[in-house]
Amino acid sequence: NNCNAIGLSGADGNAIQAHKRPVKEIDYGFVGDIDGVNTKLIATL
């Protein structure tokens, strides 16, 4: 569609940092709660 897209996960370019959700009543496993977003990288793109 002539839209120059780039596919990313949060690991690419350190785009989205998170921590594993602490176990309380339920252990959700490898689920992340976000700590930060790399706005400099995203703005550059």
PDB file of all heavy atoms in Angstrom:
ATOM      1  N   ASN A   1       0.820  -1.217   0.000  1.00  0.00           N
ATOM      2  CA  ASN A   1       0.000   0.000   0.000  1.00  0.00           C
ATOM      3  C   ASN A   1       0.858   1.273   0.000  1.00  0.00           C
ATOM      4  O   ASN A   1       0.364   2.351   0.360  1.00  0.00           O
ATOM      5  CB  ASN A   1      -0.920   0.003   1.226  1.00  0.00           C
ATOM      6  CG  ASN A   1      -2.165  -0.841   1.030  1.00  0.00           C
ATOM      7  OD1 ASN A   1      -3.080  -0.465   0.319  1.00  0.00           O
ATOM      8  ND2 ASN A   1      -2.195  -2.007   1.662  1.00  0.00           N
ATOM      9  N   ASN A   2       2.124   1.126  -0.367  1.00  0.00           N
ATOM     10  CA  ASN A   2       3.057   2.274  -0.422  1.00  0.00           C
ATOM     11  C   ASN A   2       3.230   2.954   0.932  1.00  0.00           C
ATOM     12  O   ASN A   2       3.428   4.166   1.007  1.00  0.00           O
ATOM     13  CB  ASN A   2       2.596   3.309  -1.467  1.00  0.00           C
ATOM     14  CG  ASN A   2       2.618   2.727  -2.867  1.00  0.00           C
ATOM     15  OD1 ASN A   2       3.601   2.100  -3.264  1.00  0.00           O
ATOM     16  ND2 ASN A   2       1.530   2.902  -3.599  1.00  0.00           N
ATOM     17  N   CYS A   3       3.141   2.151   1.993  1.00  0.00           N
ATOM     18  CA  CYS A   3       3.414   2.649   3.347  1.00  0.00           C
ATOM     19  C   CYS A   3       4.680   1.947   3.817  1.00  0.00           C
ATOM     20  O   CYS A   3       4.693   0.722   3.980  1.00  0.00           O
ATOM     21  CB  CYS A   3       2.238   2.318   4.267  1.00  0.00           C
ATOM     22  SG  CYS A   3       2.522   2.745   6.000  1.00  0.00           S
ATOM     23  N   ASN A   4       5.764   2.703   3.991  1.00  0.00           N
ATOM     24  CA  ASN A   4       7.061   2.110   4.293  1.00  0.00           C
ATOM     25  C   ASN A   4       7.141   1.726   5.769  1.00  0.00           C
ATOM     26  O   ASN A   4       7.597   2.484   6.617  1.00  0.00           O
ATOM     27  CB  ASN A   4       8.195   3.071   3.916  1.00  0.00           C
ATOM     28  CG  ASN A   4       9.547   2.363   3.886  1.00  0.00           C
ATOM     29  OD1 ASN A   4       9.624   1.154   4.043  1.00  0.00           O
ATOM     30  ND2 ASN A   4      10.600   3.129   3.688  1.00  0.00           N
ATOM     31  N   ALA A   5       6.657   0.509   6.068  1.00  0.00           N
ATOM     32  CA  ALA A   5       6.534   0.040   7.449  1.00  0.00           C
ATOM     33  C   ALA A   5       7.777  -0.724   7.893  1.00  0.00           C
ATOM     34  O   ALA A   5       8.496  -1.304   7.079  1.00  0.00           O
ATOM     35  CB  ALA A   5       5.308  -0.858   7.569  1.00  0.00           C
ATOM     36  N   ILE A   6       8.000  -0.717   9.206  1.00  0.00           N
ATOM     37  CA  ILE A   6       9.079  -1.506   9.805  1.00  0.00           C
ATOM     38  C   ILE A   6       8.501  -2.254  11.001  1.00  0.00           C
ATOM     39  O   ILE A   6       7.918  -1.645  11.898  1.00  0.00           O
ATOM     40  CB  ILE A   6      10.297  -0.628  10.188  1.00  0.00           C
ATOM     41  CG1 ILE A   6      11.407  -1.482  10.806  1.00  0.00           C
ATOM     42  CG2 ILE A   6       9.914   0.538  11.108  1.00  0.00           C
ATOM     43  CD1 ILE A   6      12.751  -0.753  10.922  1.00  0.00           C
ATOM     44  N   GLY A   7       8.633  -3.582  11.003  1.00  0.00           N
ATOM     45  CA  GLY A   7       8.054  -4.406  12.061  1.00  0.00           C
ATOM     46  C   GLY A   7       8.977  -4.507  13.260  1.00  0.00           C
ATOM     47  O   GLY A   7      10.183  -4.732  13.112  1.00  0.00           O
ATOM     48  N   LEU A   8       8.406  -4.347  14.452  1.00  0.00           N
ATOM     49  CA  LEU A   8       9.211  -4.314  15.682  1.00  0.00           C
ATOM     50  C   LEU A   8       8.523  -5.056  16.822  1.00  0.00           C
ATOM     51  O   LEU A   8       7.298  -5.041  16.939  1.00  0.00           O
ATOM     52  CB  LEU A   8       9.418  -2.862  16.136  1.00  0.00           C
ATOM     53  CG  LEU A   8      10.143  -1.906  15.178  1.00  0.00           C
ATOM     54  CD1 LEU A   8       9.888  -0.473  15.589  1.00  0.00           C
ATOM     55  CD2 LEU A   8      11.633  -2.197  15.161  1.00  0.00           C
ATOM     56  N   SER A   9       9.352  -5.675  17.662  1.00  0.00           N
ATOM     57  CA  SER A   9       8.899  -6.083  18.993  1.00  0.00           C
ATOM     58  C   SER A   9       9.506  -5.093  19.979  1.00  0.00           C
ATOM     59  O   SER A   9      10.324  -4.248  19.601  1.00  0.00           O
ATOM     60  CB  SER A   9       9.389  -7.505  19.316  1.00  0.00           C
ATOM     61  OG  SER A   9      10.798  -7.480  19.573  1.00  0.00           O
ATOM     62  N   GLY A  10       9.157  -5.216  21.239  1.00  0.00           N
ATOM     63  CA  GLY A  10       9.731  -4.321  22.246  1.00  0.00           C
ATOM     64  C   GLY A  10      11.223  -4.501  22.438  1.00  0.00           C
ATOM     65  O   GLY A  10      11.904  -3.595  22.936  1.00  0.00           O
ATOM     66  N   ALA A  11      11.753  -5.671  22.034  1.00  0.00           N
ATOM     67  CA  ALA A  11      13.195  -5.910  22.176  1.00  0.00           C
ATOM     68  C   ALA A  11      13.997  -5.189  21.093  1.00  0.00           C
ATOM     69  O   ALA A  11      15.163  -4.837  21.317  1.00  0.00           O
ATOM     70  CB  ALA A  11      13.483  -7.410  22.123  1.00  0.00           C
ATOM     71  N   ASP A  12      13.406  -4.960  19.938  1.00  0.00           N
ATOM     72  CA  ASP A  12      14.117  -4.333  18.818  1.00  0.00           C
ATOM     73  C   ASP A  12      14.422  -2.878  19.141  1.00  0.00           C
ATOM     74  O   ASP A  12      13.524  -2.085  19.429  1.00  0.00           O
ATOM     75  CB  ASP A  12      13.274  -4.432  17.534  1.00  0.00           C
ATOM     76  CG  ASP A  12      13.071  -5.873  17.109  1.00  0.00           C
ATOM     77  OD1 ASP A  12      14.068  -6.549  16.836  1.00  0.00           O
ATOM     78  OD2 ASP A  12      11.910  -6.321  17.074  1.00  0.00           O
ATOM     79  N   GLY A  13      15.705  -2.538  19.095  1.00  0.00           N
ATOM     80  CA  GLY A  13      16.111  -1.174  19.403  1.00  0.00           C
ATOM     81  C   GLY A  13      15.806  -0.779  20.841  1.00  0.00           C
ATOM     82  O   GLY A  13      15.723   0.401  21.148  1.00  0.00           O
ATOM     83  N   ASN A  14      15.614  -1.805  21.721  1.00  0.00           N
ATOM     84  CA  ASN A  14      15.257  -1.539  23.121  1.00  0.00           C
ATOM     85  C   ASN A  14      14.010  -0.654  23.198  1.00  0.00           C
ATOM     86  O   ASN A  14      13.905   0.259  24.010  1.00  0.00           O
ATOM     87  CB  ASN A  14      16.435  -0.873  23.859  1.00  0.00           C
ATOM     88  CG  ASN A  14      16.261  -0.856  25.362  1.00  0.00           C
ATOM     89  OD1 ASN A  14      15.612  -1.727  25.932  1.00  0.00           O
ATOM     90  ND2 ASN A  14      16.832   0.137  26.009  1.00  0.00           N
ATOM     91  N   ALA A  15      13.035  -0.967  22.315  1.00  0.00           N
ATOM     92  CA  ALA A  15      11.884  -0.085  22.129  1.00  0.00           C
ATOM     93  C   ALA A  15      10.952  -0.045  23.340  1.00  0.00           C
ATOM     94  O   ALA A  15      10.447   1.012  23.705  1.00  0.00           O
ATOM     95  CB  ALA A  15      11.096  -0.511  20.889  1.00  0.00           C
ATOM     96  N   ILE A  16      10.675  -1.210  23.958  1.00  0.00           N
ATOM     97  CA  ILE A  16       9.736  -1.259  25.082  1.00  0.00           C
ATOM     98  C   ILE A  16      10.324  -2.132  26.182  1.00  0.00           C
ATOM     99  O   ILE A  16      10.451  -3.351  26.026  1.00  0.00           O
ATOM    100  CB  ILE A  16       8.358  -1.809  24.660  1.00  0.00           C
ATOM    101  CG1 ILE A  16       7.782  -1.012  23.486  1.00  0.00           C
ATOM    102  CG2 ILE A  16       7.380  -1.783  25.835  1.00  0.00           C
ATOM    103  CD1 ILE A  16       6.634  -1.693  22.783  1.00  0.00           C
ATOM    104  N   GLN A  17      10.697  -1.494  27.293  1.00  0.00           N
ATOM    105  CA  GLN A  17      11.265  -2.232  28.425  1.00  0.00           C
ATOM    106  C   GLN A  17      10.141  -2.547  29.417  1.00  0.00           C
ATOM    107  O   GLN A  17       9.249  -1.731  29.640  1.00  0.00           O
ATOM    108  CB  GLN A  17      12.345  -1.414  29.137  1.00  0.00           C
ATOM    109  CG  GLN A  17      13.408  -0.824  28.203  1.00  0.00           C
ATOM    110  CD  GLN A  17      13.050   0.582  27.744  1.00  0.00           C
ATOM    111  OE1 GLN A  17      12.617   1.411  28.519  1.00  0.00           O
ATOM    112  NE2 GLN A  17      13.244   0.853  26.460  1.00  0.00           N
ATOM    113  N   ALA A  18      10.233  -3.737  30.013  1.00  0.00           N
ATOM    114  CA  ALA A  18       9.196  -4.176  30.950  1.00  0.00           C
ATOM    115  C   ALA A  18       9.820  -5.066  32.024  1.00  0.00           C
ATOM    116  O   ALA A  18      10.991  -5.432  31.947  1.00  0.00           O
ATOM    117  CB  ALA A  18       8.097  -4.933  30.198  1.00  0.00           C
ATOM    118  N   HIS A  19       9.015  -5.398  33.018  1.00  0.00           N
ATOM    119  CA  HIS A  19       9.430  -6.386  34.024  1.00  0.00           C
ATOM    120  C   HIS A  19       8.364  -7.475  34.080  1.00  0.00           C
ATOM    121  O   HIS A  19       7.195  -7.235  33.757  1.00  0.00           O
ATOM    122  CB  HIS A  19       9.616  -5.742  35.407  1.00  0.00           C
ATOM    123  CG  HIS A  19       8.367  -5.134  35.952  1.00  0.00           C
ATOM    124  ND1 HIS A  19       7.982  -3.821  35.675  1.00  0.00           N
ATOM    125  CD2 HIS A  19       7.371  -5.653  36.749  1.00  0.00           C
ATOM    126  CE1 HIS A  19       6.825  -3.563  36.271  1.00  0.00           C
ATOM    127  NE2 HIS A  19       6.432  -4.645  36.922  1.00  0.00           N
ATOM    128  N   LYS A  20       8.778  -8.662  34.454  1.00  0.00           N
ATOM    129  CA  LYS A  20       7.846  -9.788  34.583  1.00  0.00           C
ATOM    130  C   LYS A  20       6.868  -9.490  35.715  1.00  0.00           C
ATOM    131  O   LYS A  20       7.272  -9.071  36.789  1.00  0.00           O
ATOM    132  CB  LYS A  20       8.629 -11.069  34.874  1.00  0.00           C
ATOM    133  CG  LYS A  20       7.811 -12.339  34.846  1.00  0.00           C
ATOM    134  CD  LYS A  20       8.758 -13.550  34.906  1.00  0.00           C
ATOM    135  CE  LYS A  20       7.995 -14.861  34.978  1.00  0.00           C
ATOM    136  NZ  LYS A  20       7.422 -15.120  36.293  1.00  0.00           N
ATOM    137  N   ARG A  21       5.599  -9.655  35.427  1.00  0.00           N
ATOM    138  CA  ARG A  21       4.565  -9.326  36.407  1.00  0.00           C
ATOM    139  C   ARG A  21       4.749 -10.158  37.683  1.00  0.00           C
ATOM    140  O   ARG A  21       4.838 -11.390  37.611  1.00  0.00           O
ATOM    141  CB  ARG A  21       3.181  -9.584  35.813  1.00  0.00           C
ATOM    142  CG  ARG A  21       2.035  -9.211  36.741  1.00  0.00           C
ATOM    143  CD  ARG A  21       0.690  -9.308  36.032  1.00  0.00           C
ATOM    144  NE  ARG A  21       0.615  -8.363  34.930  1.00  0.00           N
ATOM    145  CZ  ARG A  21      -0.287  -8.402  33.966  1.00  0.00           C
ATOM    146  NH1 ARG A  21      -1.201  -9.366  33.955  1.00  0.00           N
ATOM    147  NH2 ARG A  21      -0.288  -7.501  33.004  1.00  0.00           N
ATOM    148  N   PRO A  22       4.807  -9.496  38.838  1.00  0.00           N
ATOM    149  CA  PRO A  22       4.982 -10.241  40.101  1.00  0.00           C
ATOM    150  C   PRO A  22       3.803 -11.189  40.353  1.00  0.00           C
ATOM    151  O   PRO A  22       2.666 -10.901  39.971  1.00  0.00           O
ATOM    152  CB  PRO A  22       5.030  -9.146  41.172  1.00  0.00           C
ATOM    153  CG  PRO A  22       5.263  -7.868  40.438  1.00  0.00           C
ATOM    154  CD  PRO A  22       4.707  -8.044  39.066  1.00  0.00           C
ATOM    155  N   VAL A  23       4.100 -12.320  40.986  1.00  0.00           N
ATOM    156  CA  VAL A  23       3.047 -13.279  41.317  1.00  0.00           C
ATOM    157  C   VAL A  23       2.306 -12.794  42.557  1.00  0.00           C
ATOM    158  O   VAL A  23       2.911 -12.554  43.603  1.00  0.00           O
ATOM    159  CB  VAL A  23       3.641 -14.682  41.567  1.00  0.00           C
ATOM    160  CG1 VAL A  23       2.537 -15.661  41.961  1.00  0.00           C
ATOM    161  CG2 VAL A  23       4.380 -15.172  40.330  1.00  0.00           C
ATOM    162  N   LYS A  24       0.977 -12.635  42.408  1.00  0.00           N
ATOM    163  CA  LYS A  24       0.127 -12.319  43.565  1.00  0.00           C
ATOM    164  C   LYS A  24      -0.848 -13.494  43.711  1.00  0.00           C
ATOM    165  O   LYS A  24      -0.442 -14.577  44.079  1.00  0.00           O
ATOM    166  CB  LYS A  24      -0.559 -10.971  43.365  1.00  0.00           C
ATOM    167  CG  LYS A  24       0.462  -9.814  43.398  1.00  0.00           C
ATOM    168  CD  LYS A  24      -0.164  -8.455  43.194  1.00  0.00           C
ATOM    169  CE  LYS A  24       0.927  -7.377  43.200  1.00  0.00           C
ATOM    170  NZ  LYS A  24       0.394  -6.064  42.832  1.00  0.00           N
ATOM    171  N   GLU A  25      -2.137 -13.280  43.435  1.00  0.00           N
ATOM    172  CA  GLU A  25      -3.064 -14.419  43.499  1.00  0.00           C
ATOM    173  C   GLU A  25      -2.838 -15.379  42.335  1.00  0.00           C
ATOM    174  O   GLU A  25      -3.048 -16.577  42.454  1.00  0.00           O
ATOM    175  CB  GLU A  25      -4.532 -13.940  43.475  1.00  0.00           C
ATOM    176  CG  GLU A  25      -4.974 -13.164  44.698  1.00  0.00           C
ATOM    177  CD  GLU A  25      -4.667 -11.682  44.570  1.00  0.00           C
ATOM    178  OE1 GLU A  25      -4.448 -11.211  43.441  1.00  0.00           O
ATOM    179  OE2 GLU A  25      -4.635 -10.991  45.607  1.00  0.00           O
ATOM    180  N   ILE A  26      -2.436 -14.807  41.172  1.00  0.00           N
ATOM    181  CA  ILE A  26      -2.278 -15.615  39.954  1.00  0.00           C
ATOM    182  C   ILE A  26      -0.872 -15.414  39.399  1.00  0.00           C
ATOM    183  O   ILE A  26      -0.357 -14.302  39.359  1.00  0.00           O
ATOM    184  CB  ILE A  26      -3.324 -15.185  38.883  1.00  0.00           C
ATOM    185  CG1 ILE A  26      -4.753 -15.405  39.400  1.00  0.00           C
ATOM    186  CG2 ILE A  26      -3.118 -15.940  37.572  1.00  0.00           C
ATOM    187  CD1 ILE A  26      -5.820 -14.741  38.559  1.00  0.00           C
ATOM    188  N   ASP A  27      -0.254 -16.520  38.964  1.00  0.00           N
ATOM    189  CA  ASP A  27       1.037 -16.436  38.273  1.00  0.00           C
ATOM    190  C   ASP A  27       0.744 -16.390  36.771  1.00  0.00           C
ATOM    191  O   ASP A  27       0.362 -17.395  36.175  1.00  0.00           O
ATOM    192  CB  ASP A  27       1.900 -17.658  38.617  1.00  0.00           C
ATOM    193  CG  ASP A  27       3.282 -17.589  37.958  1.00  0.00           C
ATOM    194  OD1 ASP A  27       3.532 -16.638  37.187  1.00  0.00           O
ATOM    195  OD2 ASP A  27       4.091 -18.488  38.205  1.00  0.00           O
ATOM    196  N   TYR A  28       0.919 -15.192  36.179  1.00  0.00           N
ATOM    197  CA  TYR A  28       0.630 -15.045  34.747  1.00  0.00           C
ATOM    198  C   TYR A  28       1.778 -15.524  33.873  1.00  0.00           C
ATOM    199  O   TYR A  28       1.667 -15.518  32.648  1.00  0.00           O
ATOM    200  CB  TYR A  28       0.312 -13.575  34.431  1.00  0.00           C
ATOM    201  CG  TYR A  28      -1.064 -13.156  34.910  1.00  0.00           C
ATOM    202  CD1 TYR A  28      -1.225 -12.410  36.072  1.00  0.00           C
ATOM    203  CD2 TYR A  28      -2.208 -13.526  34.201  1.00  0.00           C
ATOM    204  CE1 TYR A  28      -2.490 -12.033  36.518  1.00  0.00           C
ATOM    205  CE2 TYR A  28      -3.468 -13.160  34.641  1.00  0.00           C
ATOM    206  CZ  TYR A  28      -3.606 -12.408  35.800  1.00  0.00           C
ATOM    207  OH  TYR A  28      -4.856 -12.050  36.234  1.00  0.00           O
ATOM    208  N   GLY A  29       2.896 -15.929  34.473  1.00  0.00           N
ATOM    209  CA  GLY A  29       4.024 -16.430  33.693  1.00  0.00           C
ATOM    210  C   GLY A  29       4.820 -15.296  33.067  1.00  0.00           C
ATOM    211  O   GLY A  29       5.056 -14.264  33.705  1.00  0.00           O
ATOM    212  N   PHE A  30       5.186 -15.491  31.799  1.00  0.00           N
ATOM    213  CA  PHE A  30       6.057 -14.524  31.111  1.00  0.00           C
ATOM    214  C   PHE A  30       5.236 -13.364  30.529  1.00  0.00           C
ATOM    215  O   PHE A  30       5.161 -13.165  29.316  1.00  0.00           O
ATOM    216  CB  PHE A  30       6.873 -15.225  30.027  1.00  0.00           C
ATOM    217  CG  PHE A  30       7.839 -16.225  30.588  1.00  0.00           C
ATOM    218  CD1 PHE A  30       7.555 -17.588  30.551  1.00  0.00           C
ATOM    219  CD2 PHE A  30       9.029 -15.807  31.175  1.00  0.00           C
ATOM    220  CE1 PHE A  30       8.441 -18.516  31.084  1.00  0.00           C
ATOM    221  CE2 PHE A  30       9.922 -16.726  31.712  1.00  0.00           C
ATOM    222  CZ  PHE A  30       9.625 -18.078  31.675  1.00  0.00           C
ATOM    223  N   VAL A  31       4.613 -12.621  31.435  1.00  0.00           N
ATOM    224  CA  VAL A  31       3.803 -11.455  31.062  1.00  0.00           C
ATOM    225  C   VAL A  31       4.520 -10.213  31.574  1.00  0.00           C
ATOM    226  O   VAL A  31       5.000 -10.175  32.705  1.00  0.00           O
ATOM    227  CB  VAL A  31       2.385 -11.560  31.666  1.00  0.00           C
ATOM    228  CG1 VAL A  31       1.642 -10.232  31.565  1.00  0.00           C
ATOM    229  CG2 VAL A  31       1.597 -12.655  30.955  1.00  0.00           C
ATOM    230  N   GLY A  32       4.609  -9.188  30.716  1.00  0.00           N
ATOM    231  CA  GLY A  32       5.356  -7.996  31.062  1.00  0.00           C
ATOM    232  C   GLY A  32       4.482  -6.807  31.407  1.00  0.00           C
ATOM    233  O   GLY A  32       3.454  -6.575  30.756  1.00  0.00           O
ATOM    234  N   ASP A  33       4.875  -6.073  32.443  1.00  0.00           N
ATOM    235  CA  ASP A  33       4.295  -4.772  32.766  1.00  0.00           C
ATOM    236  C   ASP A  33       5.325  -3.706  32.380  1.00  0.00           C
ATOM    237  O   ASP A  33       6.491  -3.790  32.785  1.00  0.00           O
ATOM    238  CB  ASP A  33       3.953  -4.681  34.255  1.00  0.00           C
ATOM    239  CG  ASP A  33       2.790  -5.593  34.626  1.00  0.00           C
ATOM    240  OD1 ASP A  33       1.904  -5.805  33.775  1.00  0.00           O
ATOM    241  OD2 ASP A  33       2.773  -6.115  35.759  1.00  0.00           O
ATOM    242  N   ILE A  34       4.900  -2.728  31.608  1.00  0.00           N
ATOM    243  CA  ILE A  34       5.830  -1.806  30.936  1.00  0.00           C
ATOM    244  C   ILE A  34       6.497  -0.843  31.923  1.00  0.00           C
ATOM    245  O   ILE A  34       5.844  -0.262  32.785  1.00  0.00           O
ATOM    246  CB  ILE A  34       5.096  -1.028  29.827  1.00  0.00           C
ATOM    247  CG1 ILE A  34       4.654  -1.999  28.730  1.00  0.00           C
ATOM    248  CG2 ILE A  34       5.990   0.069  29.225  1.00  0.00           C
ATOM    249  CD1 ILE A  34       3.777  -1.393  27.657  1.00  0.00           C
ATOM    250  N   ASP A  35       7.822  -0.695  31.746  1.00  0.00           N
ATOM    251  CA  ASP A  35       8.615   0.271  32.530  1.00  0.00           C
ATOM    252  C   ASP A  35       8.953   1.524  31.726  1.00  0.00           C
ATOM    253  O   ASP A  35       9.050   2.612  32.284  1.00  0.00           O
ATOM    254  CB  ASP A  35       9.932  -0.369  33.000  1.00  0.00           C
ATOM    255  CG  ASP A  35       9.703  -1.511  33.966  1.00  0.00           C
ATOM    256  OD1 ASP A  35       8.821  -1.379  34.829  1.00  0.00           O
ATOM    257  OD2 ASP A  35      10.394  -2.546  33.845  1.00  0.00           O
ATOM    258  N   GLY A  36       9.158   1.363  30.415  1.00  0.00           N
ATOM    259  CA  GLY A  36       9.564   2.522  29.624  1.00  0.00           C
ATOM    260  C   GLY A  36       9.484   2.266  28.133  1.00  0.00           C
ATOM    261  O   GLY A  36       9.479   1.126  27.672  1.00  0.00           O
ATOM    262  N   VAL A  37       9.391   3.359  27.383  1.00  0.00           N
ATOM    263  CA  VAL A  37       9.333   3.318  25.914  1.00  0.00           C
ATOM    264  C   VAL A  37      10.475   4.170  25.379  1.00  0.00           C
ATOM    265  O   VAL A  37      10.724   5.272  25.864  1.00  0.00           O
ATOM    266  CB  VAL A  37       7.966   3.867  25.413  1.00  0.00           C
ATOM    267  CG1 VAL A  37       7.960   4.015  23.902  1.00  0.00           C
ATOM    268  CG2 VAL A  37       6.831   2.954  25.865  1.00  0.00           C
ATOM    269  N   ASN A  38      11.172   3.653  24.374  1.00  0.00           N
ATOM    270  CA  ASN A  38      12.317   4.359  23.782  1.00  0.00           C
ATOM    271  C   ASN A  38      11.808   5.357  22.739  1.00  0.00           C
ATOM    272  O   ASN A  38      11.760   5.089  21.542  1.00  0.00           O
ATOM    273  CB  ASN A  38      13.272   3.336  23.147  1.00  0.00           C
ATOM    274  CG  ASN A  38      14.566   3.957  22.681  1.00  0.00           C
ATOM    275  OD1 ASN A  38      14.678   5.172  22.540  1.00  0.00           O
ATOM    276  ND2 ASN A  38      15.562   3.122  22.424  1.00  0.00           N
ATOM    277  N   THR A  39      11.409   6.528  23.239  1.00  0.00           N
ATOM    278  CA  THR A  39      10.803   7.532  22.352  1.00  0.00           C
ATOM    279  C   THR A  39      11.811   8.086  21.347  1.00  0.00           C
ATOM    280  O   THR A  39      11.435   8.451  20.229  1.00  0.00           O
ATOM    281  CB  THR A  39      10.217   8.690  23.177  1.00  0.00           C
ATOM    282  OG1 THR A  39      11.228   9.239  24.019  1.00  0.00           O
ATOM    283  CG2 THR A  39       9.067   8.211  24.043  1.00  0.00           C
ATOM    284  N   LYS A  40      13.075   8.117  21.726  1.00  0.00           N
ATOM    285  CA  LYS A  40      14.105   8.633  20.808  1.00  0.00           C
ATOM    286  C   LYS A  40      14.200   7.750  19.570  1.00  0.00           C
ATOM    287  O   LYS A  40      14.242   8.237  18.437  1.00  0.00           O
ATOM    288  CB  LYS A  40      15.454   8.695  21.523  1.00  0.00           C
ATOM    289  CG  LYS A  40      16.552   9.330  20.686  1.00  0.00           C
ATOM    290  CD  LYS A  40      17.874   9.412  21.451  1.00  0.00           C
ATOM    291  CE  LYS A  40      18.973   9.991  20.556  1.00  0.00           C
ATOM    292  NZ  LYS A  40      20.291   9.989  21.247  1.00  0.00           N
ATOM    293  N   LEU A  41      14.217   6.428  19.769  1.00  0.00           N
ATOM    294  CA  LEU A  41      14.259   5.488  18.646  1.00  0.00           C
ATOM    295  C   LEU A  41      13.029   5.669  17.760  1.00  0.00           C
ATOM    296  O   LEU A  41      13.144   5.768  16.530  1.00  0.00           O
ATOM    297  CB  LEU A  41      14.298   4.048  19.166  1.00  0.00           C
ATOM    298  CG  LEU A  41      14.020   2.980  18.092  1.00  0.00           C
ATOM    299  CD1 LEU A  41      15.256   2.708  17.263  1.00  0.00           C
ATOM    300  CD2 LEU A  41      13.483   1.692  18.706  1.00  0.00           C
ATOM    301  N   ILE A  42      11.849   5.692  18.382  1.00  0.00           N
ATOM    302  CA  ILE A  42      10.602   5.770  17.611  1.00  0.00           C
ATOM    303  C   ILE A  42      10.542   7.082  16.827  1.00  0.00           C
ATOM    304  O   ILE A  42      10.175   7.096  15.645  1.00  0.00           O
ATOM    305  CB  ILE A  42       9.379   5.604  18.534  1.00  0.00           C
ATOM    306  CG1 ILE A  42       9.405   4.225  19.191  1.00  0.00           C
ATOM    307  CG2 ILE A  42       8.078   5.804  17.763  1.00  0.00           C
ATOM    308  CD1 ILE A  42       8.393   4.030  20.317  1.00  0.00           C
ATOM    309  N   ALA A  43      10.948   8.186  17.456  1.00  0.00           N
ATOM    310  CA  ALA A  43      10.958   9.486  16.768  1.00  0.00           C
ATOM    311  C   ALA A  43      11.924   9.470  15.590  1.00  0.00           C
ATOM    312  O   ALA A  43      11.623  10.027  14.520  1.00  0.00           O
ATOM    313  CB  ALA A  43      11.331  10.593  17.748  1.00  0.00           C
ATOM    314  N   THR A  44      13.067   8.811  15.762  1.00  0.00           N
ATOM    315  CA  THR A  44      14.050   8.707  14.669  1.00  0.00           C
ATOM    316  C   THR A  44      13.442   7.973  13.474  1.00  0.00           C
ATOM    317  O   THR A  44      13.588   8.405  12.324  1.00  0.00           O
ATOM    318  CB  THR A  44      15.324   7.982  15.151  1.00  0.00           C
ATOM    319  OG1 THR A  44      15.907   8.735  16.214  1.00  0.00           O
ATOM    320  CG2 THR A  44      16.341   7.827  14.029  1.00  0.00           C
ATOM    321  N   LEU A  45      12.764   6.869  13.745  1.00  0.00           N
ATOM    322  CA  LEU A  45      12.125   6.102  12.660  1.00  0.00           C
ATOM    323  C   LEU A  45      11.055   6.934  11.958  1.00  0.00           C
ATOM    324  O   LEU A  45      11.001   6.979  10.718  1.00  0.00           O
ATOM    325  CB  LEU A  45      11.502   4.814  13.220  1.00  0.00           C
ATOM    326  CG  LEU A  45      12.477   3.785  13.810  1.00  0.00           C
ATOM    327  CD1 LEU A  45      11.723   2.660  14.497  1.00  0.00           C
ATOM    328  CD2 LEU A  45      13.406   3.223  12.733  1.00  0.00           C
TER     329      LEU A  45
END
